[in-house]
Amino acid sequence: MNEPPAANYDTPWKEVLQQYFEPFLSFFFPKVHPLIDGHQPPESLDKELEQILRQADSGERIADKLFKVWLQDGKPTWVLIHVEVQSQSDSDFK
């Protein structure tokens, strides 16, 4: 019997992070958010992240996004966002 294909929960999360990066940072990382220059849009580094992950390939799908942002002092830095998507119920999950 064939197994149904695994649901793809990662791609929508990556799209959400791309679209709502600034409000995401503001809500989840309120101390980091003001350090970033909001006048310069974040640059998605998907290709660079793929290269890094290929070197440490675990075979698992991940909902990670790597962004290049600029700080208030003009220096560039990277922000890595890792999301764990839980698709099954867990009675111990709170």
PDB file of N, CA and C in Angstrom:
ATOM      1  N   MET A   1       0.845  -1.174   0.000  1.00  0.00           N
ATOM      2  CA  MET A   1       0.000   0.000   0.000  1.00  0.00           C
ATOM      3  C   MET A   1       0.893   1.240   0.000  1.00  0.00           C
ATOM      4  N   ASN A   2       0.570   2.198  -0.816  1.00  0.00           N
ATOM      5  CA  ASN A   2       1.368   3.414  -0.918  1.00  0.00           C
ATOM      6  C   ASN A   2       1.036   4.386   0.203  1.00  0.00           C
ATOM      7  N   GLU A   3       2.090   5.009   0.717  1.00  0.00           N
ATOM      8  CA  GLU A   3       1.923   6.043   1.735  1.00  0.00           C
ATOM      9  C   GLU A   3       1.496   7.343   1.054  1.00  0.00           C
ATOM     10  N   PRO A   4       0.601   8.088   1.671  1.00  0.00           N
ATOM     11  CA  PRO A   4       0.255   9.395   1.084  1.00  0.00           C
ATOM     12  C   PRO A   4       1.475  10.314   1.162  1.00  0.00           C
ATOM     13  N   PRO A   5       1.595  11.238   0.232  1.00  0.00           N
ATOM     14  CA  PRO A   5       2.746  12.148   0.280  1.00  0.00           C
ATOM     15  C   PRO A   5       2.708  12.996   1.547  1.00  0.00           C
ATOM     16  N   ALA A   6       3.878  13.274   2.067  1.00  0.00           N
ATOM     17  CA  ALA A   6       3.970  14.093   3.275  1.00  0.00           C
ATOM     18  C   ALA A   6       3.478  15.507   2.979  1.00  0.00           C
ATOM     19  N   ALA A   7       2.762  16.055   3.936  1.00  0.00           N
ATOM     20  CA  ALA A   7       2.264  17.425   3.779  1.00  0.00           C
ATOM     21  C   ALA A   7       3.440  18.397   3.787  1.00  0.00           C
ATOM     22  N   ASN A   8       3.344  19.416   2.975  1.00  0.00           N
ATOM     23  CA  ASN A   8       4.398  20.420   2.896  1.00  0.00           C
ATOM     24  C   ASN A   8       3.999  21.628   3.741  1.00  0.00           C
ATOM     25  N   TYR A   9       4.439  21.630   4.996  1.00  0.00           N
ATOM     26  CA  TYR A   9       4.151  22.745   5.888  1.00  0.00           C
ATOM     27  C   TYR A   9       5.254  23.795   5.845  1.00  0.00           C
ATOM     28  N   ASP A  10       6.407  23.435   5.299  1.00  0.00           N
ATOM     29  CA  ASP A  10       7.562  24.325   5.330  1.00  0.00           C
ATOM     30  C   ASP A  10       7.436  25.513   4.383  1.00  0.00           C
ATOM     31  N   THR A  11       7.028  25.264   3.151  1.00  0.00           N
ATOM     32  CA  THR A  11       6.976  26.338   2.158  1.00  0.00           C
ATOM     33  C   THR A  11       6.062  27.485   2.583  1.00  0.00           C
ATOM     34  N   PRO A  12       4.856  27.223   3.080  1.00  0.00           N
ATOM     35  CA  PRO A  12       4.024  28.353   3.524  1.00  0.00           C
ATOM     36  C   PRO A  12       4.682  29.172   4.640  1.00  0.00           C
ATOM     37  N   TRP A  13       5.384  28.501   5.557  1.00  0.00           N
ATOM     38  CA  TRP A  13       6.048  29.241   6.629  1.00  0.00           C
ATOM     39  C   TRP A  13       7.163  30.113   6.090  1.00  0.00           C
ATOM     40  N   LYS A  14       7.891  29.602   5.121  1.00  0.00           N
ATOM     41  CA  LYS A  14       8.953  30.406   4.507  1.00  0.00           C
ATOM     42  C   LYS A  14       8.361  31.633   3.821  1.00  0.00           C
ATOM     43  N   GLU A  15       7.234  31.457   3.169  1.00  0.00           N
ATOM     44  CA  GLU A  15       6.573  32.586   2.506  1.00  0.00           C
ATOM     45  C   GLU A  15       6.076  33.611   3.526  1.00  0.00           C
ATOM     46  N   VAL A  16       5.543  33.129   4.640  1.00  0.00           N
ATOM     47  CA  VAL A  16       5.082  34.029   5.700  1.00  0.00           C
ATOM     48  C   VAL A  16       6.261  34.828   6.255  1.00  0.00           C
ATOM     49  N   LEU A  17       7.373  34.153   6.521  1.00  0.00           N
ATOM     50  CA  LEU A  17       8.544  34.851   7.044  1.00  0.00           C
ATOM     51  C   LEU A  17       9.058  35.895   6.061  1.00  0.00           C
ATOM     52  N   GLN A  18       9.030  35.558   4.783  1.00  0.00           N
ATOM     53  CA  GLN A  18       9.478  36.501   3.757  1.00  0.00           C
ATOM     54  C   GLN A  18       8.558  37.726   3.722  1.00  0.00           C
ATOM     55  N   GLN A  19       7.273  37.488   3.737  1.00  0.00           N
ATOM     56  CA  GLN A  19       6.287  38.567   3.600  1.00  0.00           C
ATOM     57  C   GLN A  19       6.184  39.443   4.851  1.00  0.00           C
ATOM     58  N   TYR A  20       6.314  38.824   6.030  1.00  0.00           N
ATOM     59  CA  TYR A  20       6.068  39.536   7.287  1.00  0.00           C
ATOM     60  C   TYR A  20       7.300  39.567   8.187  1.00  0.00           C
ATOM     61  N   PHE A  21       8.467  39.694   7.592  1.00  0.00           N
ATOM     62  CA  PHE A  21       9.722  39.663   8.350  1.00  0.00           C
ATOM     63  C   PHE A  21       9.756  40.733   9.444  1.00  0.00           C
ATOM     64  N   GLU A  22       9.450  41.969   9.086  1.00  0.00           N
ATOM     65  CA  GLU A  22       9.534  43.073  10.051  1.00  0.00           C
ATOM     66  C   GLU A  22       8.557  42.891  11.216  1.00  0.00           C
ATOM     67  N   PRO A  23       7.269  42.621  10.971  1.00  0.00           N
ATOM     68  CA  PRO A  23       6.374  42.397  12.116  1.00  0.00           C
ATOM     69  C   PRO A  23       6.735  41.143  12.914  1.00  0.00           C
ATOM     70  N   PHE A  24       7.270  40.121  12.237  1.00  0.00           N
ATOM     71  CA  PHE A  24       7.714  38.907  12.929  1.00  0.00           C
ATOM     72  C   PHE A  24       8.805  39.257  13.939  1.00  0.00           C
ATOM     73  N   LEU A  25       9.815  40.004  13.479  1.00  0.00           N
ATOM     74  CA  LEU A  25      10.895  40.405  14.386  1.00  0.00           C
ATOM     75  C   LEU A  25      10.371  41.272  15.521  1.00  0.00           C
ATOM     76  N   SER A  26       9.508  42.199  15.199  1.00  0.00           N
ATOM     77  CA  SER A  26       8.961  43.101  16.206  1.00  0.00           C
ATOM     78  C   SER A  26       8.222  42.332  17.301  1.00  0.00           C
ATOM     79  N   PHE A  27       7.447  41.335  16.910  1.00  0.00           N
ATOM     80  CA  PHE A  27       6.648  40.576  17.873  1.00  0.00           C
ATOM     81  C   PHE A  27       7.490  39.587  18.680  1.00  0.00           C
ATOM     82  N   PHE A  28       8.312  38.779  17.988  1.00  0.00           N
ATOM     83  CA  PHE A  28       9.041  37.708  18.662  1.00  0.00           C
ATOM     84  C   PHE A  28      10.396  38.142  19.223  1.00  0.00           C
ATOM     85  N   PHE A  29      10.974  39.194  18.672  1.00  0.00           N
ATOM     86  CA  PHE A  29      12.298  39.648  19.109  1.00  0.00           C
ATOM     87  C   PHE A  29      12.298  41.165  19.314  1.00  0.00           C
ATOM     88  N   PRO A  30      11.517  41.648  20.285  1.00  0.00           N
ATOM     89  CA  PRO A  30      11.369  43.092  20.466  1.00  0.00           C
ATOM     90  C   PRO A  30      12.666  43.816  20.830  1.00  0.00           C
ATOM     91  N   LYS A  31      13.647  43.114  21.372  1.00  0.00           N
ATOM     92  CA  LYS A  31      14.927  43.762  21.695  1.00  0.00           C
ATOM     93  C   LYS A  31      15.833  43.859  20.469  1.00  0.00           C
ATOM     94  N   VAL A  32      15.661  42.968  19.513  1.00  0.00           N
ATOM     95  CA  VAL A  32      16.479  42.962  18.297  1.00  0.00           C
ATOM     96  C   VAL A  32      15.903  43.919  17.255  1.00  0.00           C
ATOM     97  N   HIS A  33      14.604  43.965  17.171  1.00  0.00           N
ATOM     98  CA  HIS A  33      13.919  44.743  16.133  1.00  0.00           C
ATOM     99  C   HIS A  33      14.426  46.182  15.995  1.00  0.00           C
ATOM    100  N   PRO A  34      14.583  46.954  17.084  1.00  0.00           N
ATOM    101  CA  PRO A  34      15.025  48.342  16.914  1.00  0.00           C
ATOM    102  C   PRO A  34      16.481  48.484  16.463  1.00  0.00           C
ATOM    103  N   LEU A  35      17.257  47.422  16.530  1.00  0.00           N
ATOM    104  CA  LEU A  35      18.654  47.478  16.095  1.00  0.00           C
ATOM    105  C   LEU A  35      18.785  47.445  14.575  1.00  0.00           C
ATOM    106  N   ILE A  36      17.722  47.011  13.899  1.00  0.00           N
ATOM    107  CA  ILE A  36      17.757  46.822  12.448  1.00  0.00           C
ATOM    108  C   ILE A  36      17.220  48.064  11.748  1.00  0.00           C
ATOM    109  N   ASP A  37      17.918  48.463  10.688  1.00  0.00           N
ATOM    110  CA  ASP A  37      17.513  49.617   9.887  1.00  0.00           C
ATOM    111  C   ASP A  37      16.307  49.229   9.035  1.00  0.00           C
ATOM    112  N   GLY A  38      15.145  49.741   9.392  1.00  0.00           N
ATOM    113  CA  GLY A  38      13.919  49.410   8.678  1.00  0.00           C
ATOM    114  C   GLY A  38      13.788  50.084   7.325  1.00  0.00           C
ATOM    115  N   HIS A  39      14.691  51.010   7.011  1.00  0.00           N
ATOM    116  CA  HIS A  39      14.642  51.688   5.715  1.00  0.00           C
ATOM    117  C   HIS A  39      15.252  50.847   4.599  1.00  0.00           C
ATOM    118  N   GLN A  40      16.046  49.848   4.967  1.00  0.00           N
ATOM    119  CA  GLN A  40      16.641  48.954   3.974  1.00  0.00           C
ATOM    120  C   GLN A  40      15.921  47.610   4.051  1.00  0.00           C
ATOM    121  N   PRO A  41      15.334  47.165   2.969  1.00  0.00           N
ATOM    122  CA  PRO A  41      14.595  45.897   3.020  1.00  0.00           C
ATOM    123  C   PRO A  41      15.530  44.717   3.260  1.00  0.00           C
ATOM    124  N   PRO A  42      15.059  43.713   4.009  1.00  0.00           N
ATOM    125  CA  PRO A  42      15.884  42.522   4.225  1.00  0.00           C
ATOM    126  C   PRO A  42      16.090  41.785   2.903  1.00  0.00           C
ATOM    127  N   GLU A  43      17.241  41.166   2.785  1.00  0.00           N
ATOM    128  CA  GLU A  43      17.581  40.406   1.584  1.00  0.00           C
ATOM    129  C   GLU A  43      17.531  38.918   1.928  1.00  0.00           C
ATOM    130  N   SER A  44      16.674  38.172   1.263  1.00  0.00           N
ATOM    131  CA  SER A  44      16.559  36.736   1.498  1.00  0.00           C
ATOM    132  C   SER A  44      17.777  36.034   0.912  1.00  0.00           C
ATOM    133  N   LEU A  45      18.400  35.181   1.706  1.00  0.00           N
ATOM    134  CA  LEU A  45      19.600  34.461   1.286  1.00  0.00           C
ATOM    135  C   LEU A  45      19.311  32.964   1.170  1.00  0.00           C
ATOM    136  N   ASP A  46      18.286  32.619   0.406  1.00  0.00           N
ATOM    137  CA  ASP A  46      17.898  31.217   0.249  1.00  0.00           C
ATOM    138  C   ASP A  46      19.007  30.371  -0.361  1.00  0.00           C
ATOM    139  N   LYS A  47      19.674  30.877  -1.379  1.00  0.00           N
ATOM    140  CA  LYS A  47      20.742  30.110  -2.047  1.00  0.00           C
ATOM    141  C   LYS A  47      21.906  29.866  -1.098  1.00  0.00           C
ATOM    142  N   GLU A  48      22.265  30.885  -0.335  1.00  0.00           N
ATOM    143  CA  GLU A  48      23.357  30.740   0.625  1.00  0.00           C
ATOM    144  C   GLU A  48      22.994  29.729   1.710  1.00  0.00           C
ATOM    145  N   LEU A  49      21.749  29.764   2.165  1.00  0.00           N
ATOM    146  CA  LEU A  49      21.310  28.813   3.183  1.00  0.00           C
ATOM    147  C   LEU A  49      21.320  27.396   2.629  1.00  0.00           C
ATOM    148  N   GLU A  50      20.905  27.223   1.381  1.00  0.00           N
ATOM    149  CA  GLU A  50      20.945  25.894   0.757  1.00  0.00           C
ATOM    150  C   GLU A  50      22.362  25.349   0.726  1.00  0.00           C
ATOM    151  N   GLN A  51      23.339  26.187   0.433  1.00  0.00           N
ATOM    152  CA  GLN A  51      24.731  25.743   0.404  1.00  0.00           C
ATOM    153  C   GLN A  51      25.190  25.311   1.785  1.00  0.00           C
ATOM    154  N   ILE A  52      24.831  26.082   2.796  1.00  0.00           N
ATOM    155  CA  ILE A  52      25.214  25.736   4.164  1.00  0.00           C
ATOM    156  C   ILE A  52      24.572  24.417   4.572  1.00  0.00           C
ATOM    157  N   LEU A  53      23.284  24.262   4.282  1.00  0.00           N
ATOM    158  CA  LEU A  53      22.561  23.061   4.695  1.00  0.00           C
ATOM    159  C   LEU A  53      22.993  21.832   3.916  1.00  0.00           C
ATOM    160  N   ARG A  54      23.393  22.020   2.669  1.00  0.00           N
ATOM    161  CA  ARG A  54      23.859  20.892   1.865  1.00  0.00           C
ATOM    162  C   ARG A  54      25.093  20.261   2.507  1.00  0.00           C
ATOM    163  N   GLN A  55      25.918  21.083   3.131  1.00  0.00           N
ATOM    164  CA  GLN A  55      27.125  20.593   3.785  1.00  0.00           C
ATOM    165  C   GLN A  55      26.788  19.805   5.044  1.00  0.00           C
ATOM    166  N   ALA A  56      25.648  20.084   5.647  1.00  0.00           N
ATOM    167  CA  ALA A  56      25.223  19.391   6.866  1.00  0.00           C
ATOM    168  C   ALA A  56      23.882  18.718   6.633  1.00  0.00           C
ATOM    169  N   ASP A  57      23.708  18.086   5.487  1.00  0.00           N
ATOM    170  CA  ASP A  57      22.417  17.519   5.087  1.00  0.00           C
ATOM    171  C   ASP A  57      22.006  16.386   6.013  1.00  0.00           C
ATOM    172  N   SER A  58      20.850  16.559   6.635  1.00  0.00           N
ATOM    173  CA  SER A  58      20.309  15.520   7.509  1.00  0.00           C
ATOM    174  C   SER A  58      19.161  14.787   6.845  1.00  0.00           C
ATOM    175  N   GLY A  59      18.746  15.257   5.667  1.00  0.00           N
ATOM    176  CA  GLY A  59      17.636  14.635   4.967  1.00  0.00           C
ATOM    177  C   GLY A  59      16.280  15.127   5.423  1.00  0.00           C
ATOM    178  N   GLU A  60      16.252  15.970   6.444  1.00  0.00           N
ATOM    179  CA  GLU A  60      14.985  16.489   6.946  1.00  0.00           C
ATOM    180  C   GLU A  60      14.639  17.795   6.247  1.00  0.00           C
ATOM    181  N   ARG A  61      13.345  18.004   6.073  1.00  0.00           N
ATOM    182  CA  ARG A  61      12.890  19.284   5.541  1.00  0.00           C
ATOM    183  C   ARG A  61      12.840  20.275   6.690  1.00  0.00           C
ATOM    184  N   ILE A  62      13.187  21.499   6.388  1.00  0.00           N
ATOM    185  CA  ILE A  62      13.201  22.513   7.431  1.00  0.00           C
ATOM    186  C   ILE A  62      12.521  23.779   6.950  1.00  0.00           C
ATOM    187  N   ALA A  63      12.003  24.524   7.893  1.00  0.00           N
ATOM    188  CA  ALA A  63      11.388  25.814   7.581  1.00  0.00           C
ATOM    189  C   ALA A  63      12.300  26.906   8.121  1.00  0.00           C
ATOM    190  N   ASP A  64      13.456  27.036   7.519  1.00  0.00           N
ATOM    191  CA  ASP A  64      14.417  28.048   7.918  1.00  0.00           C
ATOM    192  C   ASP A  64      14.500  29.125   6.855  1.00  0.00           C
ATOM    193  N   LYS A  65      14.771  30.330   7.301  1.00  0.00           N
ATOM    194  CA  LYS A  65      15.009  31.448   6.385  1.00  0.00           C
ATOM    195  C   LYS A  65      16.234  32.196   6.886  1.00  0.00           C
ATOM    196  N   LEU A  66      17.088  32.554   5.941  1.00  0.00           N
ATOM    197  CA  LEU A  66      18.267  33.350   6.248  1.00  0.00           C
ATOM    198  C   LEU A  66      18.099  34.699   5.561  1.00  0.00           C
ATOM    199  N   PHE A  67      18.256  35.761   6.330  1.00  0.00           N
ATOM    200  CA  PHE A  67      18.109  37.113   5.807  1.00  0.00           C
ATOM    201  C   PHE A  67      19.378  37.909   6.067  1.00  0.00           C
ATOM    202  N   LYS A  68      19.710  38.744   5.123  1.00  0.00           N
ATOM    203  CA  LYS A  68      20.744  39.749   5.332  1.00  0.00           C
ATOM    204  C   LYS A  68      20.009  41.044   5.646  1.00  0.00           C
ATOM    205  N   VAL A  69      20.364  41.649   6.776  1.00  0.00           N
ATOM    206  CA  VAL A  69      19.762  42.912   7.186  1.00  0.00           C
ATOM    207  C   VAL A  69      20.881  43.900   7.503  1.00  0.00           C
ATOM    208  N   TRP A  70      20.508  45.153   7.607  1.00  0.00           N
ATOM    209  CA  TRP A  70      21.467  46.185   7.958  1.00  0.00           C
ATOM    210  C   TRP A  70      21.086  46.759   9.308  1.00  0.00           C
ATOM    211  N   LEU A  71      22.096  46.913  10.149  1.00  0.00           N
ATOM    212  CA  LEU A  71      21.874  47.490  11.465  1.00  0.00           C
ATOM    213  C   LEU A  71      21.771  49.008  11.349  1.00  0.00           C
ATOM    214  N   GLN A  72      21.373  49.646  12.423  1.00  0.00           N
ATOM    215  CA  GLN A  72      21.223  51.102  12.429  1.00  0.00           C
ATOM    216  C   GLN A  72      22.537  51.818  12.107  1.00  0.00           C
ATOM    217  N   ASP A  73      23.677  51.179  12.426  1.00  0.00           N
ATOM    218  CA  ASP A  73      24.975  51.799  12.136  1.00  0.00           C
ATOM    219  C   ASP A  73      25.453  51.519  10.710  1.00  0.00           C
ATOM    220  N   GLY A  74      24.609  50.855   9.904  1.00  0.00           N
ATOM    221  CA  GLY A  74      24.934  50.589   8.507  1.00  0.00           C
ATOM    222  C   GLY A  74      25.647  49.279   8.248  1.00  0.00           C
ATOM    223  N   LYS A  75      26.016  48.558   9.294  1.00  0.00           N
ATOM    224  CA  LYS A  75      26.725  47.288   9.119  1.00  0.00           C
ATOM    225  C   LYS A  75      25.742  46.182   8.747  1.00  0.00           C
ATOM    226  N   PRO A  76      26.112  45.340   7.766  1.00  0.00           N
ATOM    227  CA  PRO A  76      25.244  44.209   7.429  1.00  0.00           C
ATOM    228  C   PRO A  76      25.435  43.066   8.426  1.00  0.00           C
ATOM    229  N   THR A  77      24.380  42.320   8.645  1.00  0.00           N
ATOM    230  CA  THR A  77      24.450  41.125   9.484  1.00  0.00           C
ATOM    231  C   THR A  77      23.410  40.132   8.985  1.00  0.00           C
ATOM    232  N   TRP A  78      23.519  38.906   9.431  1.00  0.00           N
ATOM    233  CA  TRP A  78      22.578  37.867   9.020  1.00  0.00           C
ATOM    234  C   TRP A  78      21.645  37.531  10.168  1.00  0.00           C
ATOM    235  N   VAL A  79      20.411  37.216   9.812  1.00  0.00           N
ATOM    236  CA  VAL A  79      19.414  36.753  10.776  1.00  0.00           C
ATOM    237  C   VAL A  79      18.906  35.408  10.275  1.00  0.00           C
ATOM    238  N   LEU A  80      19.084  34.372  11.088  1.00  0.00           N
ATOM    239  CA  LEU A  80      18.592  33.034  10.755  1.00  0.00           C
ATOM    240  C   LEU A  80      17.356  32.768  11.597  1.00  0.00           C
ATOM    241  N   ILE A  81      16.268  32.425  10.930  1.00  0.00           N
ATOM    242  CA  ILE A  81      15.018  32.104  11.625  1.00  0.00           C
ATOM    243  C   ILE A  81      14.719  30.638  11.384  1.00  0.00           C
ATOM    244  N   HIS A  82      14.593  29.895  12.477  1.00  0.00           N
ATOM    245  CA  HIS A  82      14.294  28.464  12.406  1.00  0.00           C
ATOM    246  C   HIS A  82      12.910  28.239  12.998  1.00  0.00           C
ATOM    247  N   VAL A  83      12.054  27.580  12.247  1.00  0.00           N
ATOM    248  CA  VAL A  83      10.690  27.297  12.686  1.00  0.00           C
ATOM    249  C   VAL A  83      10.496  25.790  12.719  1.00  0.00           C
ATOM    250  N   GLU A  84       9.999  25.287  13.822  1.00  0.00           N
ATOM    251  CA  GLU A  84       9.628  23.874  13.937  1.00  0.00           C
ATOM    252  C   GLU A  84       8.119  23.784  13.755  1.00  0.00           C
ATOM    253  N   VAL A  85       7.692  23.103  12.731  1.00  0.00           N
ATOM    254  CA  VAL A  85       6.270  22.958  12.445  1.00  0.00           C
ATOM    255  C   VAL A  85       5.811  21.615  12.991  1.00  0.00           C
ATOM    256  N   GLN A  86       4.872  21.647  13.933  1.00  0.00           N
ATOM    257  CA  GLN A  86       4.344  20.424  14.524  1.00  0.00           C
ATOM    258  C   GLN A  86       3.008  20.118  13.874  1.00  0.00           C
ATOM    259  N   SER A  87       2.940  18.981  13.192  1.00  0.00           N
ATOM    260  CA  SER A  87       1.718  18.645  12.460  1.00  0.00           C
ATOM    261  C   SER A  87       0.916  17.520  13.111  1.00  0.00           C
ATOM    262  N   GLN A  88       1.374  17.021  14.238  1.00  0.00           N
ATOM    263  CA  GLN A  88       0.627  15.969  14.920  1.00  0.00           C
ATOM    264  C   GLN A  88       0.309  16.442  16.336  1.00  0.00           C
ATOM    265  N   SER A  89      -0.724  15.865  16.911  1.00  0.00           N
ATOM    266  CA  SER A  89      -1.092  16.267  18.268  1.00  0.00           C
ATOM    267  C   SER A  89      -0.118  15.657  19.270  1.00  0.00           C
ATOM    268  N   ASP A  90       0.043  16.338  20.377  1.00  0.00           N
ATOM    269  CA  ASP A  90       0.935  15.886  21.438  1.00  0.00           C
ATOM    270  C   ASP A  90       0.307  16.321  22.755  1.00  0.00           C
ATOM    271  N   SER A  91      -0.112  15.369  23.563  1.00  0.00           N
ATOM    272  CA  SER A  91      -0.800  15.700  24.809  1.00  0.00           C
ATOM    273  C   SER A  91       0.109  16.445  25.785  1.00  0.00           C
ATOM    274  N   ASP A  92       1.433  16.313  25.641  1.00  0.00           N
ATOM    275  CA  ASP A  92       2.368  17.002  26.526  1.00  0.00           C
ATOM    276  C   ASP A  92       2.722  18.401  26.033  1.00  0.00           C
ATOM    277  N   PHE A  93       2.268  18.748  24.833  1.00  0.00           N
ATOM    278  CA  PHE A  93       2.599  20.053  24.261  1.00  0.00           C
ATOM    279  C   PHE A  93       1.754  21.127  24.925  1.00  0.00           C
ATOM    280  N   LYS A  94       2.421  22.142  25.422  1.00  0.00           N
ATOM    281  CA  LYS A  94       1.700  23.219  26.126  1.00  0.00           C
ATOM    282  C   LYS A  94       2.011  24.534  25.488  1.00  0.00           C
TER     283      LYS A  94
END
